Amino acid sequence: MARKQIHEYTFASIYPMYVQKIEKKGRTQAELIEVLSWLTGFSEGALMDQIEKQHTLEEFFKQALKLNENRNLIKGIICGVRVENIEDEMVQNIRYMDKLVDELAKGKAMEKILR
């Protein structure tokens, strides 16, 4: 069986994992939504709509209202790769999202996460 490409996963499939990850570390779903909204421009309702409609991550980012222009300030390693060096813009945006969730789970202050 062929392995799914990262952009083929649905937002609905990864969102519960994000919630579980951050709640284990004492963070809230409201903080997660704030971080995701900062990155994508989606409101909480629009994020929940993405879940309901089972949009892939590719569709999710294509429909993002306004990707934050400061997202390129997100630096670091996710899945063994420096996010700032990823050439595929779609994959880079997905990894930016992963990195923000990691920072939230690690207890980083919101004002530092939301550059």
N, C-alpha and C. Protein backbone atom coordinates (compact mmCIF):
# COMPACT_ATOMS: atom_id res chain seq x y z
N MET A 1 0.84 -1.17 0.00
CA MET A 1 0.00 0.00 0.00
C MET A 1 0.89 1.25 0.00
N ALA A 2 0.54 2.20 -0.81
CA ALA A 2 1.32 3.43 -0.91
C ALA A 2 1.12 4.28 0.34
N ARG A 3 2.19 4.94 0.74
CA ARG A 3 2.15 5.81 1.92
C ARG A 3 1.57 7.16 1.53
N LYS A 4 0.69 7.68 2.38
CA LYS A 4 0.08 8.98 2.12
C LYS A 4 1.12 10.08 2.19
N GLN A 5 1.01 11.04 1.29
CA GLN A 5 1.81 12.24 1.38
C GLN A 5 1.23 13.11 2.48
N ILE A 6 2.06 13.91 3.11
CA ILE A 6 1.61 14.69 4.26
C ILE A 6 0.42 15.60 3.92
N HIS A 7 0.41 16.19 2.74
CA HIS A 7 -0.67 17.11 2.38
C HIS A 7 -1.99 16.41 2.09
N GLU A 8 -1.98 15.06 2.03
CA GLU A 8 -3.20 14.30 1.78
C GLU A 8 -3.96 13.97 3.06
N TYR A 9 -3.32 14.13 4.21
CA TYR A 9 -4.02 13.90 5.48
C TYR A 9 -5.06 14.98 5.67
N THR A 10 -6.13 14.66 6.38
CA THR A 10 -7.14 15.67 6.64
C THR A 10 -6.79 16.44 7.91
N PHE A 11 -7.22 17.69 7.94
CA PHE A 11 -7.05 18.49 9.15
C PHE A 11 -7.79 17.81 10.30
N ALA A 12 -8.94 17.23 10.00
CA ALA A 12 -9.73 16.54 11.02
C ALA A 12 -8.97 15.37 11.64
N SER A 13 -8.07 14.76 10.91
CA SER A 13 -7.32 13.61 11.44
C SER A 13 -6.17 14.04 12.34
N ILE A 14 -5.62 15.22 12.12
CA ILE A 14 -4.48 15.65 12.95
C ILE A 14 -4.89 16.56 14.11
N TYR A 15 -6.02 17.25 13.97
CA TYR A 15 -6.44 18.18 15.02
C TYR A 15 -6.58 17.49 16.39
N PRO A 16 -7.24 16.32 16.47
CA PRO A 16 -7.34 15.65 17.79
C PRO A 16 -5.96 15.30 18.37
N MET A 17 -5.01 14.97 17.53
CA MET A 17 -3.66 14.68 18.01
C MET A 17 -3.00 15.94 18.57
N TYR A 18 -3.23 17.07 17.90
CA TYR A 18 -2.72 18.34 18.41
C TYR A 18 -3.33 18.64 19.79
N VAL A 19 -4.65 18.45 19.90
CA VAL A 19 -5.34 18.72 21.16
C VAL A 19 -4.77 17.82 22.26
N GLN A 20 -4.64 16.55 21.98
CA GLN A 20 -4.11 15.60 22.96
C GLN A 20 -2.70 16.00 23.39
N LYS A 21 -1.87 16.36 22.44
CA LYS A 21 -0.48 16.73 22.72
C LYS A 21 -0.39 17.94 23.64
N ILE A 22 -1.15 18.98 23.35
CA ILE A 22 -1.03 20.20 24.14
C ILE A 22 -1.73 20.07 25.49
N GLU A 23 -2.84 19.33 25.55
CA GLU A 23 -3.55 19.17 26.82
C GLU A 23 -2.74 18.33 27.81
N LYS A 24 -1.96 17.36 27.30
CA LYS A 24 -1.09 16.56 28.16
C LYS A 24 -0.06 17.44 28.87
N LYS A 25 0.26 18.55 28.24
CA LYS A 25 1.27 19.47 28.78
C LYS A 25 0.65 20.66 29.49
N GLY A 26 -0.68 20.60 29.72
CA GLY A 26 -1.33 21.64 30.50
C GLY A 26 -1.76 22.87 29.72
N ARG A 27 -1.73 22.80 28.40
CA ARG A 27 -2.19 23.91 27.58
C ARG A 27 -3.64 23.66 27.20
N THR A 28 -4.31 24.70 26.67
CA THR A 28 -5.74 24.59 26.39
C THR A 28 -6.03 24.57 24.90
N GLN A 29 -7.22 24.07 24.59
CA GLN A 29 -7.67 24.06 23.20
C GLN A 29 -7.83 25.50 22.70
N ALA A 30 -8.22 26.42 23.58
CA ALA A 30 -8.33 27.83 23.19
C ALA A 30 -6.98 28.38 22.75
N GLU A 31 -5.91 27.98 23.43
CA GLU A 31 -4.57 28.42 23.03
C GLU A 31 -4.19 27.82 21.68
N LEU A 32 -4.55 26.57 21.47
CA LEU A 32 -4.28 25.91 20.18
C LEU A 32 -5.00 26.66 19.07
N ILE A 33 -6.25 26.99 19.29
CA ILE A 33 -7.01 27.72 18.27
C ILE A 33 -6.39 29.08 18.00
N GLU A 34 -5.92 29.75 19.05
CA GLU A 34 -5.26 31.04 18.87
C GLU A 34 -4.02 30.91 17.99
N VAL A 35 -3.24 29.87 18.23
CA VAL A 35 -2.02 29.63 17.44
C VAL A 35 -2.37 29.32 15.98
N LEU A 36 -3.35 28.43 15.78
CA LEU A 36 -3.74 28.06 14.41
C LEU A 36 -4.36 29.25 13.68
N SER A 37 -5.11 30.07 14.40
CA SER A 37 -5.70 31.27 13.79
C SER A 37 -4.62 32.27 13.40
N TRP A 38 -3.62 32.41 14.26
CA TRP A 38 -2.49 33.31 13.95
C TRP A 38 -1.83 32.89 12.63
N LEU A 39 -1.62 31.60 12.47
CA LEU A 39 -0.94 31.09 11.28
C LEU A 39 -1.80 31.22 10.03
N THR A 40 -3.09 30.90 10.13
CA THR A 40 -3.93 30.74 8.94
C THR A 40 -4.92 31.86 8.68
N GLY A 41 -5.27 32.62 9.71
CA GLY A 41 -6.31 33.63 9.56
C GLY A 41 -7.71 33.07 9.76
N PHE A 42 -7.83 31.76 9.97
CA PHE A 42 -9.13 31.14 10.21
C PHE A 42 -9.64 31.52 11.60
N SER A 43 -10.94 31.77 11.71
CA SER A 43 -11.58 31.93 13.02
C SER A 43 -11.77 30.54 13.61
N GLU A 44 -12.20 30.49 14.88
CA GLU A 44 -12.49 29.19 15.49
C GLU A 44 -13.56 28.45 14.70
N GLY A 45 -14.61 29.17 14.29
CA GLY A 45 -15.68 28.54 13.52
C GLY A 45 -15.19 27.99 12.20
N ALA A 46 -14.32 28.75 11.54
CA ALA A 46 -13.78 28.30 10.25
C ALA A 46 -12.88 27.08 10.44
N LEU A 47 -12.13 27.03 11.54
CA LEU A 47 -11.31 25.84 11.82
C LEU A 47 -12.19 24.62 12.03
N MET A 48 -13.27 24.78 12.78
CA MET A 48 -14.19 23.66 13.03
C MET A 48 -14.87 23.23 11.73
N ASP A 49 -15.12 24.19 10.84
CA ASP A 49 -15.71 23.89 9.53
C ASP A 49 -14.75 23.04 8.70
N GLN A 50 -13.45 23.33 8.79
CA GLN A 50 -12.44 22.54 8.08
C GLN A 50 -12.46 21.09 8.57
N ILE A 51 -12.68 20.93 9.86
CA ILE A 51 -12.76 19.59 10.44
C ILE A 51 -14.02 18.89 9.93
N GLU A 52 -15.13 19.57 10.00
CA GLU A 52 -16.41 18.99 9.58
C GLU A 52 -16.39 18.58 8.11
N LYS A 53 -15.78 19.38 7.28
CA LYS A 53 -15.76 19.11 5.84
C LYS A 53 -14.67 18.13 5.43
N GLN A 54 -13.86 17.68 6.40
CA GLN A 54 -12.82 16.68 6.13
C GLN A 54 -11.83 17.15 5.05
N HIS A 55 -11.48 18.42 5.07
CA HIS A 55 -10.54 18.93 4.07
C HIS A 55 -9.13 18.40 4.32
N THR A 56 -8.44 18.13 3.24
CA THR A 56 -7.04 17.72 3.36
C THR A 56 -6.22 18.92 3.82
N LEU A 57 -5.00 18.65 4.25
CA LEU A 57 -4.12 19.75 4.65
C LEU A 57 -3.83 20.68 3.47
N GLU A 58 -3.77 20.12 2.28
CA GLU A 58 -3.57 20.95 1.09
C GLU A 58 -4.75 21.91 0.91
N GLU A 59 -5.96 21.38 0.99
CA GLU A 59 -7.15 22.23 0.88
C GLU A 59 -7.20 23.23 2.02
N PHE A 60 -6.86 22.79 3.21
CA PHE A 60 -6.85 23.63 4.40
C PHE A 60 -5.98 24.87 4.17
N PHE A 61 -4.76 24.67 3.69
CA PHE A 61 -3.87 25.81 3.48
C PHE A 61 -4.23 26.64 2.26
N LYS A 62 -4.79 26.01 1.25
CA LYS A 62 -5.24 26.78 0.08
C LYS A 62 -6.41 27.69 0.43
N GLN A 63 -7.23 27.27 1.40
CA GLN A 63 -8.40 28.05 1.79
C GLN A 63 -8.11 29.02 2.94
N ALA A 64 -6.91 28.95 3.47
CA ALA A 64 -6.56 29.85 4.58
C ALA A 64 -6.77 31.29 4.13
N LEU A 65 -7.43 32.05 4.99
CA LEU A 65 -7.79 33.43 4.64
C LEU A 65 -6.56 34.28 4.37
N LYS A 66 -5.61 34.21 5.27
CA LYS A 66 -4.39 34.99 5.08
C LYS A 66 -3.30 34.34 5.92
N LEU A 67 -2.39 33.67 5.26
CA LEU A 67 -1.28 33.08 5.99
C LEU A 67 -0.45 34.20 6.59
N ASN A 68 -0.10 34.06 7.84
CA ASN A 68 0.62 35.12 8.55
C ASN A 68 1.96 35.38 7.87
N GLU A 69 2.20 36.65 7.60
CA GLU A 69 3.45 37.02 6.90
C GLU A 69 4.68 36.78 7.76
N ASN A 70 4.51 36.65 9.06
CA ASN A 70 5.64 36.38 9.95
C ASN A 70 5.92 34.90 10.14
N ARG A 71 5.23 34.05 9.41
CA ARG A 71 5.44 32.61 9.59
C ARG A 71 6.87 32.21 9.21
N ASN A 72 7.51 32.99 8.36
CA ASN A 72 8.89 32.67 7.97
C ASN A 72 9.87 32.90 9.13
N LEU A 73 9.40 33.50 10.23
CA LEU A 73 10.23 33.68 11.41
C LEU A 73 10.26 32.41 12.27
N ILE A 74 9.44 31.43 11.91
CA ILE A 74 9.42 30.16 12.64
C ILE A 74 10.66 29.37 12.21
N LYS A 75 11.47 29.05 13.17
CA LYS A 75 12.73 28.34 12.91
C LYS A 75 12.78 27.09 13.76
N GLY A 76 13.60 26.17 13.37
CA GLY A 76 13.82 24.98 14.18
C GLY A 76 13.64 23.71 13.39
N ILE A 77 13.74 22.62 14.12
CA ILE A 77 13.70 21.29 13.51
C ILE A 77 12.39 20.61 13.86
N ILE A 78 11.77 20.05 12.84
CA ILE A 78 10.56 19.23 13.02
C ILE A 78 10.75 18.00 12.14
N CYS A 79 10.54 16.85 12.70
CA CYS A 79 10.73 15.58 11.98
C CYS A 79 12.13 15.49 11.37
N GLY A 80 13.13 16.01 12.09
CA GLY A 80 14.51 15.92 11.65
C GLY A 80 14.92 16.89 10.56
N VAL A 81 14.03 17.82 10.20
CA VAL A 81 14.32 18.75 9.10
C VAL A 81 14.11 20.18 9.59
N ARG A 82 15.01 21.08 9.21
CA ARG A 82 14.85 22.49 9.55
C ARG A 82 13.69 23.05 8.74
N VAL A 83 12.70 23.61 9.43
CA VAL A 83 11.51 24.11 8.73
C VAL A 83 11.86 25.23 7.76
N GLU A 84 12.83 26.04 8.11
CA GLU A 84 13.19 27.16 7.24
C GLU A 84 13.88 26.72 5.94
N ASN A 85 14.31 25.46 5.87
CA ASN A 85 14.98 24.95 4.68
C ASN A 85 14.09 24.11 3.76
N ILE A 86 12.84 23.92 4.14
CA ILE A 86 11.92 23.11 3.32
C ILE A 86 11.56 23.91 2.07
N GLU A 87 11.76 23.32 0.92
CA GLU A 87 11.54 24.02 -0.34
C GLU A 87 10.09 24.00 -0.82
N ASP A 88 9.37 22.92 -0.55
CA ASP A 88 7.98 22.81 -0.97
C ASP A 88 7.14 23.67 -0.03
N GLU A 89 6.51 24.73 -0.55
CA GLU A 89 5.78 25.68 0.27
C GLU A 89 4.63 25.02 1.05
N MET A 90 3.94 24.09 0.43
CA MET A 90 2.83 23.42 1.10
C MET A 90 3.34 22.63 2.30
N VAL A 91 4.39 21.85 2.09
CA VAL A 91 4.97 21.06 3.17
C VAL A 91 5.53 21.99 4.25
N GLN A 92 6.14 23.08 3.84
CA GLN A 92 6.70 24.03 4.80
C GLN A 92 5.59 24.62 5.68
N ASN A 93 4.46 24.99 5.09
CA ASN A 93 3.35 25.53 5.89
C ASN A 93 2.83 24.50 6.88
N ILE A 94 2.75 23.24 6.46
CA ILE A 94 2.29 22.17 7.35
C ILE A 94 3.28 22.01 8.50
N ARG A 95 4.55 22.05 8.19
CA ARG A 95 5.58 21.90 9.23
C ARG A 95 5.65 23.13 10.14
N TYR A 96 5.35 24.31 9.59
CA TYR A 96 5.24 25.50 10.46
C TYR A 96 4.14 25.25 11.50
N MET A 97 3.02 24.72 11.05
CA MET A 97 1.92 24.44 11.96
C MET A 97 2.36 23.43 13.03
N ASP A 98 3.05 22.38 12.61
CA ASP A 98 3.56 21.38 13.55
C ASP A 98 4.50 22.02 14.57
N LYS A 99 5.36 22.89 14.10
CA LYS A 99 6.34 23.54 14.97
C LYS A 99 5.64 24.43 16.00
N LEU A 100 4.63 25.18 15.58
CA LEU A 100 3.89 26.02 16.51
C LEU A 100 3.22 25.19 17.60
N VAL A 101 2.65 24.06 17.21
CA VAL A 101 2.01 23.17 18.18
C VAL A 101 3.06 22.60 19.14
N ASP A 102 4.23 22.25 18.63
CA ASP A 102 5.31 21.77 19.49
C ASP A 102 5.72 22.84 20.51
N GLU A 103 5.85 24.07 20.04
CA GLU A 103 6.24 25.16 20.94
C GLU A 103 5.18 25.37 22.01
N LEU A 104 3.92 25.28 21.64
CA LEU A 104 2.82 25.41 22.59
C LEU A 104 2.91 24.30 23.64
N ALA A 105 3.11 23.07 23.18
CA ALA A 105 3.19 21.92 24.08
C ALA A 105 4.40 22.00 25.00
N LYS A 106 5.46 22.63 24.54
CA LYS A 106 6.68 22.74 25.36
C LYS A 106 6.59 23.87 26.38
N GLY A 107 5.47 24.59 26.39
CA GLY A 107 5.28 25.62 27.40
C GLY A 107 5.80 26.99 27.04
N LYS A 108 6.15 27.18 25.79
CA LYS A 108 6.65 28.48 25.36
C LYS A 108 5.55 29.53 25.54
N ALA A 109 5.92 30.73 25.91
CA ALA A 109 4.96 31.82 26.12
C ALA A 109 4.29 32.19 24.79
N MET A 110 3.00 32.50 24.86
CA MET A 110 2.22 32.82 23.65
C MET A 110 2.85 33.98 22.88
N GLU A 111 3.33 35.00 23.57
CA GLU A 111 3.91 36.15 22.84
C GLU A 111 5.17 35.76 22.07
N LYS A 112 5.84 34.69 22.48
CA LYS A 112 7.00 34.22 21.71
C LYS A 112 6.56 33.32 20.56
N ILE A 113 5.50 32.54 20.78
CA ILE A 113 4.99 31.66 19.72
C ILE A 113 4.41 32.51 18.59
N LEU A 114 3.64 33.53 18.96
CA LEU A 114 3.00 34.40 17.96
C LEU A 114 3.95 35.55 17.63
N ARG A 115 4.99 35.24 16.95
CA ARG A 115 6.08 36.15 16.66
C ARG A 115 5.62 37.51 16.19
